[in-house]
PDB file of N, CA and C in Angstrom:
ATOM      1  N   MET A   1      64.135-138.686   0.558  1.00  0.00           N
ATOM      2  CA  MET A   1      65.333-138.123   0.804  1.00  0.00           C
ATOM      3  C   MET A   1      65.552-137.700   2.129  1.00  0.00           C
ATOM      4  N   MET A   2      66.652-137.992   2.883  1.00  0.00           N
ATOM      5  CA  MET A   2      66.937-137.380   4.063  1.00  0.00           C
ATOM      6  C   MET A   2      67.794-136.185   3.949  1.00  0.00           C
ATOM      7  N   VAL A   3      67.498-135.108   4.688  1.00  0.00           N
ATOM      8  CA  VAL A   3      68.057-133.796   4.557  1.00  0.00           C
ATOM      9  C   VAL A   3      68.564-133.348   5.987  1.00  0.00           C
ATOM     10  N   SER A   4      69.752-132.880   6.042  1.00  0.00           N
ATOM     11  CA  SER A   4      70.353-132.414   7.271  1.00  0.00           C
ATOM     12  C   SER A   4      70.880-130.868   6.997  1.00  0.00           C
ATOM     13  N   LYS A   5      70.523-130.044   7.939  1.00  0.00           N
ATOM     14  CA  LYS A   5      71.026-128.586   7.820  1.00  0.00           C
ATOM     15  C   LYS A   5      72.495-128.592   7.992  1.00  0.00           C
ATOM     16  N   LEU A   6      73.250-128.097   7.117  1.00  0.00           N
ATOM     17  CA  LEU A   6      74.719-127.859   7.432  1.00  0.00           C
ATOM     18  C   LEU A   6      75.057-126.590   8.105  1.00  0.00           C
ATOM     19  N   ILE A   7      74.550-125.413   7.349  1.00  0.00           N
ATOM     20  CA  ILE A   7      75.028-124.177   7.875  1.00  0.00           C
ATOM     21  C   ILE A   7      74.008-123.113   7.378  1.00  0.00           C
ATOM     22  N   SER A   8      73.751-122.054   8.101  1.00  0.00           N
ATOM     23  CA  SER A   8      72.856-120.960   7.614  1.00  0.00           C
ATOM     24  C   SER A   8      73.482-119.573   7.864  1.00  0.00           C
ATOM     25  N   THR A   9      72.920-118.541   7.389  1.00  0.00           N
ATOM     26  CA  THR A   9      73.443-117.266   7.626  1.00  0.00           C
ATOM     27  C   THR A   9      72.744-116.607   8.880  1.00  0.00           C
ATOM     28  N   CYS A  10      71.844-117.323   9.452  1.00  0.00           N
ATOM     29  CA  CYS A  10      71.174-116.927  10.732  1.00  0.00           C
ATOM     30  C   CYS A  10      70.497-118.120  11.346  1.00  0.00           C
ATOM     31  N   GLU A  11      69.884-117.890  12.452  1.00  0.00           N
ATOM     32  CA  GLU A  11      69.260-119.004  13.288  1.00  0.00           C
ATOM     33  C   GLU A  11      67.685-119.101  12.904  1.00  0.00           C
ATOM     34  N   LEU A  12      67.219-118.186  12.105  1.00  0.00           N
ATOM     35  CA  LEU A  12      65.833-118.182  11.696  1.00  0.00           C
ATOM     36  C   LEU A  12      65.494-119.198  10.613  1.00  0.00           C
ATOM     37  N   LYS A  13      64.336-119.447  10.226  1.00  0.00           N
ATOM     38  CA  LYS A  13      64.065-120.416   9.092  1.00  0.00           C
ATOM     39  C   LYS A  13      64.197-119.775   7.770  1.00  0.00           C
ATOM     40  N   ASP A  14      64.014-118.501   7.624  1.00  0.00           N
ATOM     41  CA  ASP A  14      63.954-117.764   6.323  1.00  0.00           C
ATOM     42  C   ASP A  14      65.299-117.200   5.981  1.00  0.00           C
ATOM     43  N   CYS A  15      66.360-117.908   6.103  1.00  0.00           N
ATOM     44  CA  CYS A  15      67.694-117.369   5.637  1.00  0.00           C
ATOM     45  C   CYS A  15      68.387-118.315   4.731  1.00  0.00           C
ATOM     46  N   PRO A  16      69.184-117.797   3.873  1.00  0.00           N
ATOM     47  CA  PRO A  16      70.027-118.708   3.020  1.00  0.00           C
ATOM     48  C   PRO A  16      70.626-119.786   3.832  1.00  0.00           C
ATOM     49  N   THR A  17      70.497-120.999   3.374  1.00  0.00           N
ATOM     50  CA  THR A  17      70.953-122.193   4.115  1.00  0.00           C
ATOM     51  C   THR A  17      71.444-123.275   3.132  1.00  0.00           C
ATOM     52  N   LEU A  18      72.498-124.056   3.573  1.00  0.00           N
ATOM     53  CA  LEU A  18      72.968-125.210   2.866  1.00  0.00           C
ATOM     54  C   LEU A  18      72.571-126.433   3.542  1.00  0.00           C
ATOM     55  N   TYR A  19      72.004-127.444   2.889  1.00  0.00           N
ATOM     56  CA  TYR A  19      71.605-128.695   3.452  1.00  0.00           C
ATOM     57  C   TYR A  19      72.317-129.832   2.746  1.00  0.00           C
ATOM     58  N   ALA A  20      72.603-130.882   3.345  1.00  0.00           N
ATOM     59  CA  ALA A  20      73.227-132.054   2.921  1.00  0.00           C
ATOM     60  C   ALA A  20      72.077-133.126   2.745  1.00  0.00           C
ATOM     61  N   THR A  21      72.222-133.967   1.734  1.00  0.00           N
ATOM     62  CA  THR A  21      71.169-135.031   1.557  1.00  0.00           C
ATOM     63  C   THR A  21      71.895-136.483   1.701  1.00  0.00           C
ATOM     64  N   ASP A  22      71.172-137.482   1.727  1.00  0.00           N
ATOM     65  CA  ASP A  22      71.560-138.731   1.746  1.00  0.00           C
ATOM     66  C   ASP A  22      71.954-139.304   0.404  1.00  0.00           C
ATOM     67  N   ARG A  23      71.814-138.467  -0.532  1.00  0.00           N
ATOM     68  CA  ARG A  23      72.185-138.766  -2.008  1.00  0.00           C
ATOM     69  C   ARG A  23      73.541-138.195  -2.257  1.00  0.00           C
ATOM     70  N   ASP A  24      74.259-137.790  -1.281  1.00  0.00           N
ATOM     71  CA  ASP A  24      75.526-137.109  -1.374  1.00  0.00           C
ATOM     72  C   ASP A  24      75.468-135.831  -2.357  1.00  0.00           C
ATOM     73  N   THR A  25      74.361-135.030  -2.146  1.00  0.00           N
ATOM     74  CA  THR A  25      74.168-133.770  -2.850  1.00  0.00           C
ATOM     75  C   THR A  25      73.885-132.691  -1.838  1.00  0.00           C
ATOM     76  N   LEU A  26      73.811-131.430  -2.337  1.00  0.00           N
ATOM     77  CA  LEU A  26      73.526-130.214  -1.516  1.00  0.00           C
ATOM     78  C   LEU A  26      72.257-129.694  -1.910  1.00  0.00           C
ATOM     79  N   LEU A  27      71.440-129.172  -0.941  1.00  0.00           N
ATOM     80  CA  LEU A  27      70.287-128.388  -1.272  1.00  0.00           C
ATOM     81  C   LEU A  27      70.609-127.008  -0.876  1.00  0.00           C
ATOM     82  N   VAL A  28      70.228-126.032  -1.665  1.00  0.00           N
ATOM     83  CA  VAL A  28      70.478-124.625  -1.363  1.00  0.00           C
ATOM     84  C   VAL A  28      69.179-123.849  -1.148  1.00  0.00           C
ATOM     85  N   GLN A  29      69.021-123.127   0.035  1.00  0.00           N
ATOM     86  CA  GLN A  29      67.922-122.234   0.183  1.00  0.00           C
ATOM     87  C   GLN A  29      68.373-120.870   0.016  1.00  0.00           C
ATOM     88  N   GLY A  30      67.644-120.149  -0.923  1.00  0.00           N
ATOM     89  CA  GLY A  30      68.086-118.694  -1.091  1.00  0.00           C
ATOM     90  C   GLY A  30      66.963-118.011  -1.804  1.00  0.00           C
ATOM     91  N   GLU A  31      67.283-116.673  -2.218  1.00  0.00           N
ATOM     92  CA  GLU A  31      66.277-115.930  -3.033  1.00  0.00           C
ATOM     93  C   GLU A  31      66.277-116.326  -4.384  1.00  0.00           C
ATOM     94  N   THR A  32      65.142-116.292  -5.064  1.00  0.00           N
ATOM     95  CA  THR A  32      64.899-116.574  -6.445  1.00  0.00           C
ATOM     96  C   THR A  32      65.119-115.226  -7.192  1.00  0.00           C
ATOM     97  N   PRO A  33      66.212-115.157  -8.035  1.00  0.00           N
ATOM     98  CA  PRO A  33      66.424-113.984  -8.787  1.00  0.00           C
ATOM     99  C   PRO A  33      65.474-113.867  -9.931  1.00  0.00           C
ATOM    100  N   ALA A  34      65.132-112.642 -10.330  1.00  0.00           N
ATOM    101  CA  ALA A  34      64.130-112.490 -11.306  1.00  0.00           C
ATOM    102  C   ALA A  34      64.718-111.959 -12.668  1.00  0.00           C
ATOM    103  N   ASP A  35      65.722-110.958 -12.598  1.00  0.00           N
ATOM    104  CA  ASP A  35      66.214-110.386 -13.688  1.00  0.00           C
ATOM    105  C   ASP A  35      67.595-110.737 -14.126  1.00  0.00           C
ATOM    106  N   HIS A  36      67.907-112.029 -14.164  1.00  0.00           N
ATOM    107  CA  HIS A  36      69.224-112.569 -14.506  1.00  0.00           C
ATOM    108  C   HIS A  36      69.560-112.654 -15.995  1.00  0.00           C
ATOM    109  N   GLY A  37      68.561-112.771 -16.824  1.00  0.00           N
ATOM    110  CA  GLY A  37      68.777-112.756 -18.226  1.00  0.00           C
ATOM    111  C   GLY A  37      69.236-114.074 -18.803  1.00  0.00           C
ATOM    112  N   LEU A  38      69.197-115.138 -17.967  1.00  0.00           N
ATOM    113  CA  LEU A  38      69.636-116.571 -18.415  1.00  0.00           C
ATOM    114  C   LEU A  38      68.493-117.272 -18.913  1.00  0.00           C
ATOM    115  N   ARG A  39      68.803-118.235 -19.751  1.00  0.00           N
ATOM    116  CA  ARG A  39      67.863-119.211 -20.217  1.00  0.00           C
ATOM    117  C   ARG A  39      67.975-120.529 -19.436  1.00  0.00           C
ATOM    118  N   ILE A  40      67.043-120.789 -18.606  1.00  0.00           N
ATOM    119  CA  ILE A  40      67.165-121.927 -17.653  1.00  0.00           C
ATOM    120  C   ILE A  40      65.967-122.925 -18.056  1.00  0.00           C
ATOM    121  N   PRO A  41      66.404-124.207 -18.243  1.00  0.00           N
ATOM    122  CA  PRO A  41      65.326-125.117 -18.574  1.00  0.00           C
ATOM    123  C   PRO A  41      64.235-125.211 -17.551  1.00  0.00           C
ATOM    124  N   ALA A  42      63.046-125.623 -18.016  1.00  0.00           N
ATOM    125  CA  ALA A  42      61.873-125.543 -17.184  1.00  0.00           C
ATOM    126  C   ALA A  42      61.894-126.460 -15.955  1.00  0.00           C
ATOM    127  N   HIS A  43      62.784-127.505 -15.988  1.00  0.00           N
ATOM    128  CA  HIS A  43      62.934-128.444 -14.871  1.00  0.00           C
ATOM    129  C   HIS A  43      63.997-128.022 -13.831  1.00  0.00           C
ATOM    130  N   GLU A  44      64.700-126.846 -14.116  1.00  0.00           N
ATOM    131  CA  GLU A  44      65.782-126.333 -13.200  1.00  0.00           C
ATOM    132  C   GLU A  44      65.299-124.929 -12.720  1.00  0.00           C
ATOM    133  N   THR A  45      66.108-124.476 -11.698  1.00  0.00           N
ATOM    134  CA  THR A  45      65.812-123.088 -11.159  1.00  0.00           C
ATOM    135  C   THR A  45      67.158-122.564 -10.735  1.00  0.00           C
ATOM    136  N   LEU A  46      67.169-121.273 -10.427  1.00  0.00           N
ATOM    137  CA  LEU A  46      68.304-120.650  -9.883  1.00  0.00           C
ATOM    138  C   LEU A  46      67.890-120.158  -8.401  1.00  0.00           C
ATOM    139  N   VAL A  47      68.929-120.096  -7.527  1.00  0.00           N
ATOM    140  CA  VAL A  47      68.735-119.461  -6.241  1.00  0.00           C
ATOM    141  C   VAL A  47      69.924-118.639  -6.042  1.00  0.00           C
ATOM    142  N   GLU A  48      69.800-117.559  -5.409  1.00  0.00           N
ATOM    143  CA  GLU A  48      70.967-116.547  -5.086  1.00  0.00           C
ATOM    144  C   GLU A  48      71.202-116.688  -3.695  1.00  0.00           C
ATOM    145  N   ILE A  49      72.458-116.972  -3.303  1.00  0.00           N
ATOM    146  CA  ILE A  49      72.891-117.014  -1.923  1.00  0.00           C
ATOM    147  C   ILE A  49      74.114-116.147  -1.678  1.00  0.00           C
ATOM    148  N   PRO A  50      74.295-115.540  -0.438  1.00  0.00           N
ATOM    149  CA  PRO A  50      75.304-114.752  -0.213  1.00  0.00           C
ATOM    150  C   PRO A  50      76.720-115.518  -0.172  1.00  0.00           C
ATOM    151  N   MET A  51      77.706-114.932  -0.682  1.00  0.00           N
ATOM    152  CA  MET A  51      79.048-115.524  -0.669  1.00  0.00           C
ATOM    153  C   MET A  51      79.470-115.922   0.842  1.00  0.00           C
ATOM    154  N   GLU A  52      79.001-115.194   1.759  1.00  0.00           N
ATOM    155  CA  GLU A  52      79.387-115.446   3.183  1.00  0.00           C
ATOM    156  C   GLU A  52      78.928-116.783   3.619  1.00  0.00           C
ATOM    157  N   LEU A  53      77.800-117.287   3.001  1.00  0.00           N
ATOM    158  CA  LEU A  53      77.287-118.595   3.270  1.00  0.00           C
ATOM    159  C   LEU A  53      78.336-119.591   2.976  1.00  0.00           C
ATOM    160  N   ILE A  54      78.841-119.499   1.684  1.00  0.00           N
ATOM    161  CA  ILE A  54      79.844-120.523   1.220  1.00  0.00           C
ATOM    162  C   ILE A  54      81.101-120.405   1.961  1.00  0.00           C
ATOM    163  N   ARG A  55      81.606-119.141   2.341  1.00  0.00           N
ATOM    164  CA  ARG A  55      82.855-118.792   3.082  1.00  0.00           C
ATOM    165  C   ARG A  55      82.688-119.516   4.435  1.00  0.00           C
ATOM    166  N   LYS A  56      81.507-119.330   5.126  1.00  0.00           N
ATOM    167  CA  LYS A  56      81.236-119.886   6.490  1.00  0.00           C
ATOM    168  C   LYS A  56      81.306-121.361   6.381  1.00  0.00           C
ATOM    169  N   ALA A  57      80.673-121.992   5.361  1.00  0.00           N
ATOM    170  CA  ALA A  57      80.698-123.500   5.213  1.00  0.00           C
ATOM    171  C   ALA A  57      82.115-123.950   5.021  1.00  0.00           C
ATOM    172  N   ILE A  58      82.970-123.249   4.261  1.00  0.00           N
ATOM    173  CA  ILE A  58      84.286-123.646   4.124  1.00  0.00           C
ATOM    174  C   ILE A  58      85.244-123.475   5.316  1.00  0.00           C
ATOM    175  N   ARG A  59      84.966-122.307   6.055  1.00  0.00           N
ATOM    176  CA  ARG A  59      85.735-122.225   7.361  1.00  0.00           C
ATOM    177  C   ARG A  59      85.318-123.244   8.300  1.00  0.00           C
ATOM    178  N   GLU A  60      84.163-123.798   8.313  1.00  0.00           N
ATOM    179  CA  GLU A  60      83.710-124.778   9.224  1.00  0.00           C
ATOM    180  C   GLU A  60      83.949-126.257   8.718  1.00  0.00           C
ATOM    181  N   GLN A  61      84.557-126.227   7.495  1.00  0.00           N
ATOM    182  CA  GLN A  61      84.938-127.494   6.905  1.00  0.00           C
ATOM    183  C   GLN A  61      83.714-128.410   6.605  1.00  0.00           C
ATOM    184  N   LEU A  62      82.543-127.699   6.144  1.00  0.00           N
ATOM    185  CA  LEU A  62      81.388-128.530   5.894  1.00  0.00           C
ATOM    186  C   LEU A  62      81.314-128.980   4.502  1.00  0.00           C
ATOM    187  N   ILE A  63      82.023-128.253   3.606  1.00  0.00           N
ATOM    188  CA  ILE A  63      82.121-128.614   2.199  1.00  0.00           C
ATOM    189  C   ILE A  63      83.553-128.499   1.642  1.00  0.00           C
TER     190      ILE A  63
END
């Protein structure tokens, strides 16, 4: 899979980030929430990202 960084909340490596793939999908880097109370299948996960990351991506017409 080829991955390209679209946008981040900062210029460091450890910030919420959106990536595009060559599969026409998005990868999301963010915090792993612990106390969400949801039942998630073992093959899936949740990540929490700030709304500002999505707003920034929309403003820059990346998604």
